[in-house]
Amino acid sequence: MTARIAADASATCCGSSSTRACARRRPDMTIPAQTPATVDAAGIGTPETATMVTAEPQAPKKRTFFSQLRASLAMFANPKSAAGLIILGIFVLVAIFAPLIAPYDPTAQHLDHTLEPPSWQFPLGATHIGEDVFSQIIYGTRGVLVVGFLATMMATVMAILVGVTAGYLRGWKSESLSALSNVFLVLPALPLMIIIASQFQDPPLVLIAAVLGLTGWAWGARVLRAQTMSLRPRSRHPRSPPPTPCGRASRCATPASVPRTRSYRPTSATR
């Protein structure tokens, strides 16, 4: 009986193919050598058997520092992420080595070359007071990186605070934070930045970053509010009791206040 069950298992695994082909597809199956079928006195042949051997469980691989580093940098395996990282790295290198790349000082005036078109001496031309435009762009990369980093941090922090809070709160509190996001959503960032910067002789970079951060957090807050509202019903602990239909347990009707139902008993007239 055991031999017949093993043969049926082998046939089920392999289907219409042979036993050797099944063994090639299943490395964890060991097939004994083919033996000629024996015929007993009744003329019934004994089927060939196959032994199923399961593979031994492999020990978990030990996590090393390089494996954890490779897992943390898996997002950069995406070509788009890698391209963005390369572009950001180029700008960072330009900002660091600006004195070595720029041919002139960005504030140096060449009065003999005012409004000069692009040439070998001035790759991107000169301003009306003879300042090299290419050198100004190279040195301006530093300010752009500082403003972009600070504005992104401010906008991210405000979006998380307002969006997640508005998603967890309910009622007028959530609606008020949503209305505040809608107000900041329509504020023009560029005209507001120009008006504020015009009040200073040399506007600081932190002020420009603050203007961009205060006018750029609304979109992220709306997205985080929607995500938080979708995850809020799933935040209940699995061991906590299910919510009652009437809210809190203390508000539910007590058994004494539940109206009693009258039992119907058939009388002799209805029988």
Protein backbone atom coordinates (compact mmCIF):
# COMPACT_ATOMS: atom_id res chain seq x y z
CA MET A 1 0.00 0.00 0.00
CA THR A 2 2.87 2.38 0.86
CA ALA A 3 4.53 1.68 -2.46
CA ARG A 4 1.31 2.35 -4.39
CA ILE A 5 0.79 5.70 -2.53
CA ALA A 6 4.36 6.74 -3.29
CA ALA A 7 3.87 5.85 -6.95
CA ASP A 8 0.65 7.88 -7.07
CA ALA A 9 2.44 10.87 -5.52
CA SER A 10 5.17 10.57 -8.10
CA ALA A 11 2.65 10.43 -10.93
CA THR A 12 0.77 13.43 -9.53
CA CYS A 13 3.97 15.48 -9.34
CA CYS A 14 5.17 14.62 -12.80
CA GLY A 15 1.92 14.40 -14.69
CA SER A 16 2.36 12.77 -18.04
CA SER A 17 6.19 13.07 -18.01
CA SER A 18 8.55 10.33 -16.87
CA THR A 19 9.96 9.89 -13.40
CA ARG A 20 13.47 10.91 -14.45
CA ALA A 21 12.15 14.17 -15.95
CA CYS A 22 10.34 14.88 -12.71
CA ALA A 23 13.54 14.30 -10.78
CA ARG A 24 15.37 16.79 -13.00
CA ARG A 25 12.70 19.43 -12.26
CA ARG A 26 12.58 18.63 -8.55
CA PRO A 27 16.12 18.57 -7.11
CA ASP A 28 14.77 17.60 -3.69
CA MET A 29 13.43 14.28 -5.05
CA THR A 30 15.73 11.24 -5.12
CA ILE A 31 14.75 8.47 -7.53
CA PRO A 32 16.24 4.99 -7.06
CA ALA A 33 17.61 3.04 -9.96
CA GLN A 34 15.09 1.49 -12.34
CA THR A 35 14.33 -2.09 -11.46
CA PRO A 36 12.33 -4.47 -13.65
CA ALA A 37 8.78 -4.97 -12.47
CA THR A 38 8.17 -8.31 -10.79
CA VAL A 39 5.08 -10.37 -11.49
CA ASP A 40 3.57 -12.41 -8.74
CA ALA A 41 1.61 -15.66 -9.09
CA ALA A 42 -1.63 -13.86 -9.72
CA GLY A 43 -0.11 -12.01 -12.66
CA ILE A 44 -0.22 -8.57 -10.98
CA GLY A 45 2.89 -6.51 -11.46
CA THR A 46 4.52 -4.56 -8.64
CA PRO A 47 4.81 -0.88 -9.60
CA GLU A 48 8.08 0.96 -9.33
CA THR A 49 8.40 3.27 -6.35
CA ALA A 50 9.99 6.67 -5.88
CA THR A 51 11.21 8.05 -2.57
CA MET A 52 10.35 11.66 -1.75
CA VAL A 53 13.09 13.40 0.25
CA THR A 54 12.43 16.92 1.43
CA ALA A 55 15.26 19.43 1.46
CA GLU A 56 16.77 20.32 4.81
CA PRO A 57 15.82 23.80 6.10
CA GLN A 58 18.58 26.28 5.44
CA ALA A 59 19.90 28.41 8.24
CA PRO A 60 19.05 32.12 7.96
CA LYS A 61 21.78 34.19 6.43
CA LYS A 62 23.74 36.36 8.81
CA ARG A 63 23.13 40.05 8.22
CA THR A 64 26.36 41.98 7.84
CA PHE A 65 27.05 45.67 7.63
CA PHE A 66 27.40 45.58 3.86
CA SER A 67 24.11 43.68 3.43
CA GLN A 68 22.26 46.25 5.54
CA LEU A 69 23.91 49.07 3.60
CA ARG A 70 22.89 47.44 0.32
CA ALA A 71 19.29 47.12 1.54
CA SER A 72 19.14 50.76 2.64
CA LEU A 73 20.43 51.94 -0.74
CA ALA A 74 18.04 49.73 -2.73
CA MET A 75 15.97 52.76 -3.74
CA PHE A 76 18.86 54.04 -5.83
CA ALA A 77 18.67 50.93 -8.00
CA ASN A 78 15.85 52.71 -9.79
CA PRO A 79 17.29 54.58 -12.83
CA LYS A 80 15.22 57.69 -12.07
CA SER A 81 16.45 57.85 -8.48
CA ALA A 82 20.04 57.30 -9.60
CA ALA A 83 19.76 60.06 -12.23
CA GLY A 84 18.38 62.51 -9.65
CA LEU A 85 21.16 61.65 -7.21
CA ILE A 86 23.80 62.19 -9.91
CA ILE A 87 22.38 65.60 -10.83
CA LEU A 88 22.24 66.65 -7.18
CA GLY A 89 25.81 65.46 -6.67
CA ILE A 90 27.00 67.54 -9.63
CA PHE A 91 25.45 70.69 -8.18
CA VAL A 92 26.98 69.96 -4.77
CA LEU A 93 30.43 69.53 -6.31
CA VAL A 94 30.03 72.76 -8.28
CA ALA A 95 29.09 74.61 -5.08
CA ILE A 96 32.05 73.19 -3.17
CA PHE A 97 34.67 73.83 -5.84
CA ALA A 98 33.24 77.14 -7.05
CA PRO A 99 36.52 79.07 -6.59
CA LEU A 100 38.32 76.55 -8.80
CA ILE A 101 35.67 76.46 -11.55
CA ALA A 102 34.75 80.15 -11.85
CA PRO A 103 37.23 82.12 -13.98
CA TYR A 104 36.57 85.44 -12.22
CA ASP A 105 35.27 86.80 -8.98
CA PRO A 106 31.47 87.18 -9.24
CA THR A 107 31.62 90.82 -8.12
CA ALA A 108 34.67 91.81 -10.17
CA GLN A 109 33.88 94.58 -12.67
CA HIS A 110 35.39 94.70 -16.15
CA LEU A 111 34.37 98.12 -17.40
CA ASP A 112 36.03 97.54 -20.77
CA HIS A 113 33.72 94.54 -21.43
CA THR A 114 30.28 95.84 -20.45
CA LEU A 115 27.39 94.03 -22.08
CA GLU A 116 29.82 91.84 -23.96
CA PRO A 117 28.26 88.84 -25.74
CA PRO A 118 29.42 85.28 -24.97
CA SER A 119 33.03 84.67 -25.94
CA TRP A 120 36.03 82.60 -24.87
CA GLN A 121 36.90 85.17 -22.22
CA PHE A 122 33.32 85.43 -20.91
CA PRO A 123 31.51 82.14 -21.69
CA LEU A 124 28.04 83.54 -20.90
CA GLY A 125 28.74 87.22 -21.53
CA ALA A 126 29.04 90.15 -19.13
CA THR A 127 26.54 92.39 -17.35
CA HIS A 128 26.10 96.15 -17.81
CA ILE A 129 28.87 96.77 -15.27
CA GLY A 130 31.23 94.14 -16.65
CA GLU A 131 30.57 91.25 -14.24
CA ASP A 132 31.05 87.74 -15.57
CA VAL A 133 27.69 85.93 -15.76
CA PHE A 134 29.23 82.45 -15.71
CA SER A 135 31.07 83.18 -12.47
CA GLN A 136 27.91 84.51 -10.88
CA ILE A 137 26.04 81.34 -11.77
CA ILE A 138 28.80 79.14 -10.34
CA TYR A 139 28.88 81.02 -7.04
CA GLY A 140 25.09 81.29 -6.96
CA THR A 141 24.82 77.51 -6.75
CA ARG A 142 25.74 77.73 -3.07
CA GLY A 143 22.82 80.00 -2.25
CA VAL A 144 20.41 77.90 -4.29
CA LEU A 145 21.33 74.73 -2.38
CA VAL A 146 20.98 76.46 1.00
CA VAL A 147 17.59 77.98 0.12
CA GLY A 148 16.30 74.73 -1.36
CA PHE A 149 17.37 72.65 1.65
CA LEU A 150 15.93 75.05 4.25
CA ALA A 151 12.68 75.60 2.35
CA THR A 152 12.17 71.86 1.91
CA MET A 153 12.74 71.18 5.60
CA MET A 154 10.32 73.92 6.67
CA ALA A 155 7.62 72.83 4.23
CA THR A 156 7.98 69.15 5.21
CA VAL A 157 7.76 69.82 8.95
CA MET A 158 4.70 72.06 8.60
CA ALA A 159 2.99 69.64 6.22
CA ILE A 160 3.46 66.75 8.65
CA LEU A 161 2.23 68.73 11.65
CA VAL A 162 -0.85 70.20 9.97
CA GLY A 163 -1.73 67.25 7.70
CA VAL A 164 -1.43 64.42 10.24
CA THR A 165 -3.15 66.46 12.95
CA ALA A 166 -6.02 67.34 10.64
CA GLY A 167 -6.37 63.69 9.68
CA TYR A 168 -6.65 62.42 13.26
CA LEU A 169 -8.92 65.17 14.55
CA ARG A 170 -12.60 65.28 13.77
CA GLY A 171 -15.29 67.87 13.51
CA TRP A 172 -14.59 71.59 13.33
CA LYS A 173 -10.93 71.16 14.27
CA SER A 174 -10.16 69.07 11.21
CA GLU A 175 -12.21 71.38 8.98
CA SER A 176 -10.38 74.44 10.31
CA LEU A 177 -6.96 72.99 9.53
CA SER A 178 -8.21 71.97 6.09
CA ALA A 179 -9.43 75.52 5.45
CA LEU A 180 -6.05 76.88 6.57
CA SER A 181 -4.35 74.63 4.03
CA ASN A 182 -6.66 75.89 1.30
CA VAL A 183 -5.78 79.50 2.16
CA PHE A 184 -2.04 78.90 1.91
CA LEU A 185 -2.61 76.88 -1.22
CA VAL A 186 -3.64 79.94 -3.23
CA LEU A 187 -0.94 82.31 -1.93
CA PRO A 188 1.49 83.26 -4.75
CA ALA A 189 4.99 82.42 -3.61
CA LEU A 190 7.03 84.32 -6.19
CA PRO A 191 5.32 87.74 -5.92
CA LEU A 192 5.33 87.50 -2.13
CA MET A 193 9.04 86.67 -2.13
CA ILE A 194 9.82 89.60 -4.44
CA ILE A 195 7.85 92.05 -2.27
CA ILE A 196 9.54 90.90 0.95
CA ALA A 197 13.02 90.82 -0.61
CA SER A 198 12.59 94.35 -1.97
CA GLN A 199 12.43 95.66 1.60
CA PHE A 200 16.07 94.65 2.24
CA GLN A 201 19.27 95.86 0.67
CA ASP A 202 20.75 92.36 0.76
CA PRO A 203 17.96 89.89 1.69
CA PRO A 204 19.22 86.95 3.76
CA LEU A 205 18.89 83.46 2.41
CA VAL A 206 16.99 82.32 5.49
CA LEU A 207 14.24 84.86 4.77
CA ILE A 208 13.83 83.67 1.19
CA ALA A 209 13.75 80.05 2.37
CA ALA A 210 11.12 80.94 5.00
CA VAL A 211 8.88 82.52 2.37
CA LEU A 212 9.15 79.49 0.11
CA GLY A 213 8.59 77.10 3.01
CA LEU A 214 5.52 78.95 4.33
CA THR A 215 3.89 78.99 0.91
CA GLY A 216 4.82 75.44 -0.14
CA TRP A 217 3.53 73.19 2.66
CA ALA A 218 -0.17 73.19 1.74
CA TRP A 219 0.00 70.50 -0.98
CA GLY A 220 1.83 68.08 1.28
CA ALA A 221 -0.58 68.75 4.14
CA ARG A 222 -3.60 67.89 1.99
CA VAL A 223 -2.01 64.61 0.86
CA LEU A 224 -1.02 63.61 4.40
CA ARG A 225 -4.49 64.49 5.72
CA ALA A 226 -6.11 62.20 3.16
CA GLN A 227 -3.69 59.36 3.93
CA THR A 228 -4.22 59.74 7.67
CA MET A 229 -8.00 59.70 7.31
CA SER A 230 -7.79 56.50 5.26
CA LEU A 231 -5.56 54.80 7.86
CA ARG A 232 -7.50 55.97 10.93
CA PRO A 233 -10.13 53.16 10.89
CA ARG A 234 -7.32 50.59 10.76
CA SER A 235 -5.45 51.98 13.77
CA ARG A 236 -7.57 50.08 16.34
CA HIS A 237 -5.65 47.51 18.35
CA PRO A 238 -6.55 43.91 17.39
CA ARG A 239 -7.25 42.97 21.03
CA SER A 240 -9.46 45.95 21.75
CA PRO A 241 -13.23 45.27 21.83
CA PRO A 242 -15.20 46.19 18.74
CA PRO A 243 -16.96 49.56 18.83
CA THR A 244 -20.55 49.54 20.01
CA PRO A 245 -23.30 50.86 17.75
CA CYS A 246 -24.09 53.69 20.16
CA GLY A 247 -20.49 54.84 20.70
CA ARG A 248 -19.27 54.45 24.27
CA ALA A 249 -20.42 51.55 26.40
CA SER A 250 -21.76 53.91 29.08
CA ARG A 251 -24.10 55.52 26.57
CA CYS A 252 -25.67 52.24 25.52
CA ALA A 253 -29.11 51.39 26.81
CA THR A 254 -29.06 49.30 29.97
CA PRO A 255 -31.08 46.09 30.16
CA ALA A 256 -33.48 47.75 32.63
CA SER A 257 -34.33 50.49 30.16
CA VAL A 258 -34.93 48.14 27.26
CA PRO A 259 -38.69 47.73 26.75
CA ARG A 260 -39.91 44.26 27.46
CA THR A 261 -41.65 42.31 24.76
CA ARG A 262 -44.94 40.65 25.57
CA SER A 263 -45.11 36.93 25.03
CA TYR A 264 -48.10 35.66 23.05
CA ARG A 265 -50.00 32.78 24.49
CA PRO A 266 -52.76 31.14 22.55
CA THR A 267 -56.10 31.24 24.30
CA SER A 268 -58.92 28.78 24.13
CA ALA A 269 -60.72 31.00 21.62
CA THR A 270 -57.85 30.87 19.17
CA ARG A 271 -57.29 27.17 19.47
